[in-house]
Amino acid sequence: MLTPEDFATLSARFSALEKRVALQDVEIKELKKKLLEKDELLALRDAEIIELKAKLNQNSSNSSKPPSKDSPNFDRNQTRRGKSKKKIGGQKGHSGSTLEMVDNPDEINFHTAPAVCDGCGASTDGLAIEVISRHQEFDIPSPPPPIVTEHRVLGCTCGQCGRRLQGQLPNGVSSAPTSYGKRICSYVAYLSVRHYLPYARLKELMFDLFGTSVSTGTLVNMIARKAKECEPTVQLIKKTISSSEVVGADETFAREAGRRVILWIWCTLQYVYLARGPNRAYEVIEREWPNGFPSSTLTSDRWSPQLKTPAAANQICVHHLLRECRGLKQREKATPWVEIMMALLKDIVKYGALGRRCYRKTYESIEADLDELLDDKWIEHEYLPAEELKLYKGLKKQRGKLTTCLYHKNVPPDNDDAERGVRGAKVKMNVSSQWRSQSGTERYCAIRSVIATAIRQGLRPLDILMGTKALKFG
């Protein structure tokens, strides 16, 4: 039987245990809280690692990253095209091209037979000579000196009123005592804009090939003169694009006097118009196309100012979406939703190809599958990870702009035409580094618009710049 002393001792021990348990409970709660915080921190870091890995693995095949930004280790020869049954090289029926002999060569050299026979030593003097074979060598002449044309302005004095009368210089001839002609200005613009030569190399080339020493300032003035000559043609190009059935639009970064600016492009299969931004804002579109494209289908990427442009219809570039899906598929925790979406986008590319008619059964099937992939259940079940959910929401919002190509055979499923059209500016920067001023960028855009249009029409750009031929309109 417990005595009062034993009971008091037990009570004291129990009270001490209660305090100790209470302290341990508090300590356990603190440790659980810290553990939870560490778990959250680890989860956050895991997400950052996944995101960084995804960014590290981005290239021109799985994102909108341009090829110029690809890692040196990236295999540029990889292809996503399916295997072809065609043999490598020229196909049967292909019309090849070769160097053919001419009937009237500029120079003929005769190579006579030896004076004595190398078999018996007899003389060959007086024997009949015949042509054994003909061999023509094609080459270009040495650098010619410049052709100097003098324009003499003649005048006289009117015998009736004494007024001094004089002739007028032809259009394009400078009033200065000496100047360079239209042909050499065209060459300079052609080599600078079409072949991307920087001024230093352009000066060297002009001297080595044509024997003409031209200063940098003169080269700049020549390009300015040619850009001014091109301006009426550029305005005709712009007017024609504004009323075209299908217009492609894109934009890209460029460097100008140490800062970044934006070059914009609007084009069709036969016309190209380039303009300096200076930014990616909608105000550039308002400046260039205040009425938008009311009778055109506009193809572009998913950049909001492009989609905001007034147009009869829109087609989002499916190739952009395929690259984005390919990047998502390569991420950790990617879902089958991305793979199914990729397959569907490939069907849109296949059946909505430029010039191809899509039949009702096919486009109804594609539309039904697209509705299924953009159904609200994907949000309700929280099935998609954050990056896929972002794409899902964007496509759901732009649903009506995904399949326009299925209903109009002249509308392509991609915006590759505009992307190719603006690529020349990137090459120009890689070669020449940057433009020195706003006016230099604008001059490039004007001349490049004419050159790119000539190329699309199958014309020689140099003929257009020299004025010996004209672009086709109407």
Protein backbone atom coordinates (compact mmCIF):
# COMPACT_ATOMS: atom_id res chain seq x y z
CA MET A 1 0.00 0.00 0.00
CA LEU A 2 1.31 3.42 -1.08
CA THR A 3 2.20 5.78 1.66
CA PRO A 4 1.56 9.50 1.35
CA GLU A 5 5.29 9.97 0.75
CA ASP A 6 5.26 7.43 -2.13
CA PHE A 7 2.21 9.06 -3.62
CA ALA A 8 3.85 12.50 -3.50
CA THR A 9 6.99 11.10 -5.16
CA LEU A 10 4.96 9.47 -7.94
CA SER A 11 2.97 12.62 -8.46
CA ALA A 12 6.18 14.65 -8.80
CA ARG A 13 7.60 12.13 -11.26
CA PHE A 14 4.35 12.10 -13.28
CA SER A 15 4.31 15.88 -13.38
CA ALA A 16 7.91 15.91 -14.60
CA LEU A 17 7.05 13.35 -17.28
CA GLU A 18 4.08 15.44 -18.40
CA LYS A 19 6.32 18.49 -18.78
CA ARG A 20 8.92 16.44 -20.62
CA VAL A 21 6.29 15.00 -23.03
CA ALA A 22 4.88 18.48 -23.61
CA LEU A 23 8.36 19.77 -24.45
CA GLN A 24 8.94 16.82 -26.77
CA ASP A 25 5.60 17.47 -28.49
CA VAL A 26 6.65 21.05 -29.13
CA GLU A 27 10.04 19.89 -30.37
CA ILE A 28 8.42 17.29 -32.66
CA LYS A 29 6.09 19.93 -34.11
CA GLU A 30 9.05 22.22 -34.76
CA LEU A 31 10.98 19.40 -36.42
CA LYS A 32 7.96 18.46 -38.56
CA LYS A 33 7.60 22.09 -39.60
CA LYS A 34 11.28 22.31 -40.54
CA LEU A 35 11.04 18.99 -42.38
CA LEU A 36 8.02 20.25 -44.31
CA GLU A 37 9.85 23.46 -45.21
CA LYS A 38 12.84 21.42 -46.39
CA ASP A 39 10.56 19.19 -48.47
CA GLU A 40 9.02 22.27 -50.05
CA LEU A 41 12.48 23.71 -50.70
CA LEU A 42 13.63 20.43 -52.27
CA ALA A 43 10.52 20.28 -54.43
CA LEU A 44 11.16 23.86 -55.53
CA ARG A 45 14.77 23.05 -56.35
CA ASP A 46 13.74 19.88 -58.19
CA ALA A 47 11.37 21.98 -60.29
CA GLU A 48 14.17 24.49 -60.97
CA ILE A 49 16.53 21.69 -61.96
CA ILE A 50 13.93 20.25 -64.33
CA GLU A 51 13.35 23.70 -65.82
CA LEU A 52 17.08 24.35 -66.21
CA LYS A 53 17.61 20.95 -67.82
CA ALA A 54 14.75 21.65 -70.21
CA LYS A 55 16.26 25.03 -71.13
CA LEU A 56 19.68 23.45 -71.53
CA ASN A 57 18.23 20.88 -73.93
CA GLN A 58 16.41 23.50 -76.01
CA ASN A 59 17.50 23.82 -79.63
CA SER A 60 16.03 24.80 -82.97
CA SER A 61 14.29 21.40 -83.29
CA ASN A 62 12.24 21.55 -80.07
CA SER A 63 11.66 25.28 -79.46
CA SER A 64 11.48 28.63 -81.19
CA LYS A 65 15.21 29.04 -80.65
CA PRO A 66 16.89 30.02 -83.95
CA PRO A 67 19.52 27.68 -85.49
CA SER A 68 22.18 30.35 -84.93
CA LYS A 69 21.78 29.87 -81.16
CA ASP A 70 22.24 26.09 -81.21
CA SER A 71 25.08 24.56 -79.23
CA PRO A 72 28.21 23.65 -81.23
CA ASN A 73 27.58 20.04 -80.17
CA PHE A 74 24.08 20.02 -81.64
CA ASP A 75 23.75 17.63 -84.57
CA ARG A 76 22.57 19.89 -87.38
CA ASN A 77 22.34 16.96 -89.78
CA GLN A 78 19.56 15.24 -87.90
CA THR A 79 16.28 15.19 -89.75
CA ARG A 80 12.66 14.60 -88.78
CA ARG A 81 11.62 13.71 -92.31
CA GLY A 82 10.37 10.25 -93.06
CA LYS A 83 12.36 7.86 -95.21
CA SER A 84 12.01 8.36 -98.96
CA LYS A 85 11.98 5.61 -101.57
CA LYS A 86 13.81 7.88 -104.03
CA LYS A 87 17.46 7.26 -104.83
CA ILE A 88 20.12 9.75 -103.80
CA GLY A 89 21.01 12.35 -106.44
CA GLY A 90 19.22 13.64 -109.51
CA GLN A 91 15.93 11.91 -110.27
CA LYS A 92 14.91 10.35 -113.56
CA GLY A 93 13.81 13.01 -116.01
CA HIS A 94 15.74 15.72 -114.19
CA SER A 95 17.06 18.31 -116.65
CA GLY A 96 20.69 18.80 -115.73
CA SER A 97 22.95 21.66 -116.72
CA THR A 98 26.46 21.49 -118.11
CA LEU A 99 29.02 23.72 -119.81
CA GLU A 100 28.42 23.57 -123.58
CA MET A 101 30.75 24.62 -126.39
CA VAL A 102 30.04 27.82 -128.32
CA ASP A 103 30.28 28.27 -132.10
CA ASN A 104 32.13 31.59 -132.02
CA PRO A 105 34.79 31.70 -129.31
CA ASP A 106 36.43 35.04 -128.49
CA GLU A 107 39.94 33.67 -129.02
CA ILE A 108 41.34 30.63 -130.83
CA ASN A 109 44.77 29.16 -130.09
CA PHE A 110 46.28 26.52 -132.42
CA HIS A 111 48.55 23.81 -131.07
CA THR A 112 50.49 22.40 -134.01
CA ALA A 113 51.85 18.91 -134.50
CA PRO A 114 55.57 18.32 -133.84
CA ALA A 115 58.04 19.22 -136.66
CA VAL A 116 59.33 15.64 -136.85
CA CYS A 117 57.66 12.30 -136.32
CA ASP A 118 58.38 10.95 -132.87
CA GLY A 119 58.21 7.42 -134.32
CA CYS A 120 60.62 7.44 -137.27
CA GLY A 121 62.09 10.97 -137.16
CA ALA A 122 60.73 12.02 -140.59
CA SER A 123 59.88 15.69 -141.19
CA THR A 124 56.20 16.68 -141.08
CA ASP A 125 56.70 19.81 -143.18
CA GLY A 126 54.15 20.09 -146.02
CA LEU A 127 51.77 17.44 -144.64
CA ALA A 128 48.00 18.10 -144.59
CA ILE A 129 46.89 19.55 -141.25
CA GLU A 130 43.57 18.62 -139.72
CA VAL A 131 41.78 19.48 -136.46
CA ILE A 132 42.00 16.49 -134.15
CA SER A 133 39.94 17.88 -131.26
CA ARG A 134 38.51 21.10 -129.89
CA HIS A 135 38.66 22.20 -126.23
CA GLN A 136 37.07 25.39 -124.96
CA GLU A 137 38.09 27.07 -121.72
CA PHE A 138 35.68 29.53 -120.14
CA ASP A 139 37.16 32.33 -118.04
CA ILE A 140 36.58 35.98 -117.18
CA PRO A 141 38.76 38.92 -118.29
CA SER A 142 41.14 40.78 -116.02
CA PRO A 143 39.62 43.62 -113.94
CA PRO A 144 38.65 46.29 -116.48
CA PRO A 145 39.24 50.00 -115.84
CA PRO A 146 36.06 52.00 -115.14
CA ILE A 147 34.23 53.41 -118.16
CA VAL A 148 34.10 57.20 -117.78
CA THR A 149 31.12 58.90 -119.39
CA GLU A 150 31.21 62.69 -119.59
CA HIS A 151 27.97 64.64 -119.66
CA ARG A 152 28.38 68.10 -121.17
CA VAL A 153 25.54 70.48 -120.53
CA LEU A 154 25.16 72.82 -123.50
CA GLY A 155 23.55 76.24 -123.38
CA CYS A 156 22.81 79.36 -125.35
CA THR A 157 21.35 82.83 -124.93
CA CYS A 158 17.93 83.66 -126.37
CA GLY A 159 18.33 86.29 -129.07
CA GLN A 160 14.87 87.72 -128.35
CA CYS A 161 14.82 88.20 -124.54
CA GLY A 162 18.39 87.40 -123.54
CA ARG A 163 17.36 84.47 -121.32
CA ARG A 164 20.10 81.94 -120.68
CA LEU A 165 19.04 78.45 -121.82
CA GLN A 166 20.77 75.14 -121.04
CA GLY A 167 20.25 71.40 -121.26
CA GLN A 168 19.29 69.14 -118.35
CA LEU A 169 21.25 66.24 -116.89
CA PRO A 170 19.59 62.81 -117.22
CA ASN A 171 17.81 61.39 -114.17
CA GLY A 172 20.25 59.72 -111.80
CA VAL A 173 23.29 61.75 -112.90
CA SER A 174 24.71 63.84 -110.07
CA SER A 175 25.25 67.58 -110.50
CA ALA A 176 28.69 67.17 -108.90
CA PRO A 177 31.71 67.31 -111.22
CA THR A 178 32.37 63.59 -110.66
CA SER A 179 30.17 60.75 -109.41
CA TYR A 180 29.67 57.00 -109.72
CA GLY A 181 27.15 55.63 -112.20
CA LYS A 182 24.03 53.56 -111.76
CA ARG A 183 25.71 50.27 -112.59
CA ILE A 184 28.40 50.47 -109.90
CA CYS A 185 25.82 51.66 -107.34
CA SER A 186 23.69 48.64 -108.18
CA TYR A 187 26.67 46.31 -107.70
CA VAL A 188 27.44 47.85 -104.31
CA ALA A 189 23.83 47.49 -103.11
CA TYR A 190 23.63 43.95 -104.50
CA LEU A 191 26.85 42.79 -102.83
CA SER A 192 26.02 44.47 -99.52
CA VAL A 193 22.38 43.38 -99.19
CA ARG A 194 22.17 40.15 -101.16
CA HIS A 195 25.63 38.80 -100.31
CA TYR A 196 25.95 40.44 -96.87
CA LEU A 197 29.42 41.95 -97.38
CA PRO A 198 30.59 44.44 -94.74
CA TYR A 199 32.03 47.73 -95.96
CA ALA A 200 35.70 46.77 -95.48
CA ARG A 201 35.39 43.64 -97.62
CA LEU A 202 33.18 45.46 -100.10
CA LYS A 203 35.89 48.11 -100.61
CA GLU A 204 38.46 45.37 -101.16
CA LEU A 205 36.26 43.52 -103.64
CA MET A 206 35.44 46.65 -105.67
CA PHE A 207 39.15 47.38 -106.05
CA ASP A 208 40.25 43.79 -106.80
CA LEU A 209 37.51 43.01 -109.33
CA PHE A 210 36.77 46.38 -110.90
CA GLY A 211 39.90 48.43 -110.20
CA THR A 212 37.83 51.08 -108.42
CA SER A 213 38.93 52.53 -105.08
CA VAL A 214 35.83 53.57 -103.13
CA SER A 215 35.73 55.08 -99.63
CA THR A 216 33.38 53.85 -96.91
CA GLY A 217 31.45 57.12 -97.01
CA THR A 218 30.93 56.75 -100.76
CA LEU A 219 29.66 53.18 -100.28
CA VAL A 220 27.14 54.44 -97.71
CA ASN A 221 25.99 57.17 -100.13
CA MET A 222 25.63 54.62 -102.95
CA ILE A 223 23.40 52.38 -100.83
CA ALA A 224 21.37 55.42 -99.72
CA ARG A 225 20.93 56.41 -103.38
CA LYS A 226 19.82 52.91 -104.35
CA ALA A 227 17.38 52.68 -101.41
CA LYS A 228 15.79 55.95 -102.52
CA GLU A 229 15.47 54.61 -106.08
CA CYS A 230 13.82 51.45 -104.71
CA GLU A 231 11.23 53.31 -102.61
CA PRO A 232 8.47 53.54 -105.31
CA THR A 233 8.88 49.81 -106.00
CA VAL A 234 8.75 49.05 -102.27
CA GLN A 235 5.45 50.92 -101.97
CA LEU A 236 4.02 48.91 -104.88
CA ILE A 237 5.13 45.70 -103.14
CA LYS A 238 3.46 46.82 -99.92
CA LYS A 239 0.22 47.74 -101.71
CA THR A 240 0.10 44.37 -103.47
CA ILE A 241 0.67 42.46 -100.22
CA SER A 242 -2.13 44.36 -98.47
CA SER A 243 -4.71 42.94 -100.91
CA SER A 244 -3.28 39.42 -101.24
CA GLU A 245 -5.24 36.28 -100.37
CA VAL A 246 -2.66 34.93 -97.92
CA VAL A 247 -0.01 36.94 -96.04
CA GLY A 248 2.73 35.58 -93.79
CA ALA A 249 4.17 37.69 -90.96
CA ASP A 250 7.14 37.32 -88.64
CA GLU A 251 9.73 39.38 -86.76
CA THR A 252 13.29 38.96 -85.54
CA PHE A 253 15.90 40.71 -83.42
CA ALA A 254 18.66 42.74 -85.06
CA ARG A 255 21.53 44.88 -83.81
CA GLU A 256 21.78 48.57 -84.55
CA ALA A 257 24.42 50.91 -83.13
CA GLY A 258 24.95 48.63 -80.12
CA ARG A 259 21.28 48.11 -79.25
CA ARG A 260 18.60 45.62 -80.16
CA VAL A 261 15.87 46.51 -82.64
CA ILE A 262 13.22 44.43 -84.40
CA LEU A 263 12.88 43.75 -88.11
CA TRP A 264 9.39 42.80 -89.31
CA ILE A 265 8.42 40.93 -92.46
CA TRP A 266 5.15 40.54 -94.33
CA CYS A 267 5.21 38.38 -97.43
CA THR A 268 3.37 36.27 -99.98
CA LEU A 269 4.67 33.66 -102.40
CA GLN A 270 5.79 36.44 -104.78
CA TYR A 271 6.29 39.58 -102.69
CA VAL A 272 8.35 40.50 -99.61
CA TYR A 273 8.15 43.65 -97.50
CA LEU A 274 10.60 44.32 -94.65
CA ALA A 275 10.35 47.12 -92.10
CA ARG A 276 12.29 48.31 -89.05
CA GLY A 277 10.30 48.10 -85.78
CA PRO A 278 11.94 49.38 -83.67
CA ASN A 279 10.17 47.00 -81.22
CA ARG A 280 7.70 44.07 -81.19
CA ALA A 281 4.74 46.17 -80.14
CA TYR A 282 1.40 46.34 -81.95
CA GLU A 283 2.07 50.00 -82.74
CA VAL A 284 4.44 48.86 -85.52
CA ILE A 285 1.60 46.97 -87.22
CA GLU A 286 -0.68 49.99 -86.82
CA ARG A 287 1.98 52.18 -88.43
CA GLU A 288 2.63 49.87 -91.37
CA TRP A 289 -0.87 48.46 -91.91
CA PRO A 290 -3.47 50.80 -90.35
CA ASN A 291 -6.31 48.85 -91.98
CA GLY A 292 -4.78 45.42 -91.36
CA PHE A 293 -5.53 42.71 -93.92
CA PRO A 294 -9.33 42.71 -94.28
CA SER A 295 -9.30 40.38 -97.30
CA SER A 296 -6.38 38.15 -96.32
CA THR A 297 -5.65 35.10 -94.20
CA LEU A 298 -2.72 35.99 -91.95
CA THR A 299 -0.28 33.22 -91.05
CA SER A 300 2.00 33.83 -88.08
CA ASP A 301 3.32 32.41 -84.84
CA ARG A 302 1.40 32.92 -81.59
CA TRP A 303 2.82 36.38 -80.85
CA SER A 304 -0.18 38.40 -79.60
CA PRO A 305 0.35 41.54 -81.76
CA GLN A 306 0.33 39.33 -84.86
CA LEU A 307 -2.90 37.63 -83.81
CA LYS A 308 -4.38 41.02 -82.94
CA THR A 309 -3.87 42.29 -86.50
CA PRO A 310 -7.23 42.76 -88.30
CA ALA A 311 -7.54 39.99 -90.90
CA ALA A 312 -10.22 37.95 -92.64
CA ALA A 313 -8.84 34.80 -90.96
CA ASN A 314 -5.73 33.53 -89.14
CA GLN A 315 -3.57 30.43 -89.33
CA ILE A 316 -1.14 29.72 -86.48
CA CYS A 317 2.14 28.15 -87.56
CA VAL A 318 1.78 24.45 -86.77
CA HIS A 319 5.52 23.87 -87.13
CA HIS A 320 6.07 26.24 -84.19
CA LEU A 321 3.64 24.18 -82.13
CA LEU A 322 5.30 20.91 -83.14
CA ARG A 323 8.67 22.21 -81.95
CA GLU A 324 7.11 23.30 -78.66
CA CYS A 325 5.44 19.90 -78.19
CA ARG A 326 8.71 18.15 -79.00
CA GLY A 327 10.40 20.13 -76.25
CA LEU A 328 7.62 19.27 -73.77
CA LYS A 329 7.83 15.61 -74.69
CA GLN A 330 11.52 15.57 -73.77
CA ARG A 331 10.79 16.91 -70.26
CA GLU A 332 10.51 14.80 -67.16
CA LYS A 333 6.96 13.79 -66.23
CA ALA A 334 5.70 14.41 -69.77
CA THR A 335 2.18 13.05 -70.32
CA PRO A 336 0.70 11.18 -73.32
CA TRP A 337 -1.36 14.31 -74.01
CA VAL A 338 1.67 15.94 -75.64
CA GLU A 339 2.39 12.93 -77.84
CA ILE A 340 -1.24 12.71 -78.98
CA MET A 341 -1.28 16.46 -79.69
CA MET A 342 1.90 16.09 -81.75
CA ALA A 343 0.31 13.35 -83.85
CA LEU A 344 -2.74 15.53 -84.45
CA LEU A 345 -0.64 18.54 -85.41
CA LYS A 346 1.24 16.35 -87.90
CA ASP A 347 -2.11 15.43 -89.44
CA ILE A 348 -2.96 19.13 -89.80
CA VAL A 349 0.37 19.67 -91.59
CA LYS A 350 -0.21 16.65 -93.82
CA TYR A 351 -3.80 17.27 -94.84
CA GLY A 352 -3.61 21.08 -94.78
CA ALA A 353 -0.48 21.31 -96.94
CA LEU A 354 -0.27 24.24 -99.34
CA GLY A 355 -2.19 23.46 -102.52
CA ARG A 356 -3.80 20.32 -101.09
CA ARG A 357 -7.53 19.87 -100.70
CA CYS A 358 -8.72 18.35 -97.42
CA TYR A 359 -11.91 16.30 -97.64
CA ARG A 360 -14.82 16.62 -95.26
CA LYS A 361 -14.38 13.24 -93.57
CA THR A 362 -10.75 14.08 -92.78
CA TYR A 363 -11.24 17.60 -91.39
CA GLU A 364 -14.26 16.52 -89.34
CA SER A 365 -12.15 13.78 -87.76
CA ILE A 366 -9.31 16.22 -87.01
CA GLU A 367 -11.70 18.77 -85.52
CA ALA A 368 -13.28 16.12 -83.28
CA ASP A 369 -9.88 14.93 -82.04
CA LEU A 370 -8.83 18.51 -81.39
CA ASP A 371 -11.98 19.17 -79.38
CA GLU A 372 -11.24 16.07 -77.31
CA LEU A 373 -7.66 17.20 -76.57
CA LEU A 374 -8.84 20.68 -75.59
CA ASP A 375 -11.73 19.49 -73.42
CA ASP A 376 -12.15 20.96 -69.90
CA LYS A 377 -11.57 17.54 -68.30
CA TRP A 378 -7.82 18.04 -68.57
CA ILE A 379 -8.09 20.96 -66.15
CA GLU A 380 -10.71 19.40 -63.91
CA HIS A 381 -8.62 16.26 -63.29
CA GLU A 382 -5.39 18.28 -62.88
CA TYR A 383 -3.75 15.84 -65.27
CA LEU A 384 -1.37 18.19 -67.08
CA PRO A 385 1.86 19.56 -65.57
CA ALA A 386 2.42 23.31 -65.54
CA GLU A 387 4.19 23.69 -68.92
CA GLU A 388 1.73 21.44 -70.75
CA LEU A 389 -1.14 23.25 -69.07
CA LYS A 390 0.24 26.54 -70.37
CA LEU A 391 0.23 25.20 -73.94
CA TYR A 392 -3.22 23.69 -73.44
CA LYS A 393 -4.70 27.02 -72.31
CA GLY A 394 -3.05 28.87 -75.20
CA LEU A 395 -4.35 26.44 -77.80
CA LYS A 396 -7.82 26.42 -76.27
CA LYS A 397 -7.89 30.22 -76.50
CA GLN A 398 -6.66 30.15 -80.13
CA ARG A 399 -8.71 27.10 -81.13
CA GLY A 400 -10.26 28.67 -84.24
CA LYS A 401 -6.87 29.61 -85.70
CA LEU A 402 -5.40 26.08 -85.79
CA THR A 403 -7.24 24.49 -88.72
CA THR A 404 -7.89 27.28 -91.24
CA CYS A 405 -5.52 25.53 -93.68
CA LEU A 406 -7.85 22.50 -93.82
CA TYR A 407 -10.56 24.57 -95.54
CA HIS A 408 -8.47 26.73 -97.90
CA LYS A 409 -5.92 25.04 -100.14
CA ASN A 410 -3.99 28.29 -100.64
CA VAL A 411 -3.39 28.67 -96.88
CA PRO A 412 -0.30 26.80 -95.63
CA PRO A 413 -0.29 25.15 -92.16
CA ASP A 414 2.98 26.90 -91.30
CA ASN A 415 4.71 30.25 -91.41
CA ASP A 416 7.98 28.94 -92.83
CA ASP A 417 7.84 31.30 -95.80
CA ALA A 418 8.06 34.38 -93.57
CA GLU A 419 10.73 32.75 -91.38
CA ARG A 420 12.89 32.09 -94.42
CA GLY A 421 12.31 35.62 -95.67
CA VAL A 422 13.64 37.23 -92.50
CA ARG A 423 16.61 34.88 -92.18
CA GLY A 424 18.73 37.04 -94.50
CA ALA A 425 18.86 39.75 -91.84
CA LYS A 426 20.35 37.26 -89.36
CA VAL A 427 23.01 36.24 -91.89
CA LYS A 428 23.78 39.91 -92.54
CA MET A 429 24.35 40.45 -88.82
CA ASN A 430 26.52 37.36 -88.49
CA VAL A 431 28.73 38.63 -91.31
CA SER A 432 28.62 42.40 -90.77
CA SER A 433 27.92 42.48 -87.00
CA GLN A 434 25.33 45.28 -86.99
CA TRP A 435 23.89 48.30 -88.73
CA ARG A 436 25.44 51.58 -87.73
CA SER A 437 22.29 53.72 -87.70
CA GLN A 438 18.52 53.69 -88.05
CA SER A 439 18.77 54.97 -91.61
CA GLY A 440 21.18 52.12 -92.44
CA THR A 441 18.67 49.55 -91.18
CA GLU A 442 15.81 51.17 -93.09
CA ARG A 443 17.87 51.25 -96.30
CA TYR A 444 18.65 47.56 -95.92
CA CYS A 445 14.93 46.81 -95.49
CA ALA A 446 14.03 48.75 -98.66
CA ILE A 447 16.68 47.15 -100.89
CA ARG A 448 16.17 43.69 -99.39
CA SER A 449 12.41 43.92 -100.05
CA VAL A 450 13.12 44.44 -103.75
CA ILE A 451 15.82 41.75 -103.94
CA ALA A 452 13.76 39.14 -102.05
CA THR A 453 10.74 39.87 -104.25
CA ALA A 454 12.86 39.45 -107.39
CA ILE A 455 14.12 36.08 -106.15
CA ARG A 456 10.59 34.86 -105.45
CA GLN A 457 9.55 35.88 -108.95
CA GLY A 458 12.45 34.00 -110.53
CA LEU A 459 14.23 37.19 -111.63
CA ARG A 460 17.88 38.18 -111.26
CA PRO A 461 18.09 40.77 -108.44
CA LEU A 462 20.91 42.61 -110.22
CA ASP A 463 18.70 43.13 -113.30
CA ILE A 464 16.04 44.71 -111.10
CA LEU A 465 18.51 46.96 -109.27
CA MET A 466 20.02 48.14 -112.57
CA GLY A 467 16.59 48.77 -114.05
CA THR A 468 17.07 46.47 -117.06
CA LYS A 469 14.04 44.45 -115.90
CA ALA A 470 11.07 45.18 -113.67
CA LEU A 471 9.18 43.25 -110.99
CA LYS A 472 5.84 41.70 -111.93
CA PHE A 473 2.73 43.32 -110.49
CA GLY A 474 -0.91 42.55 -111.06
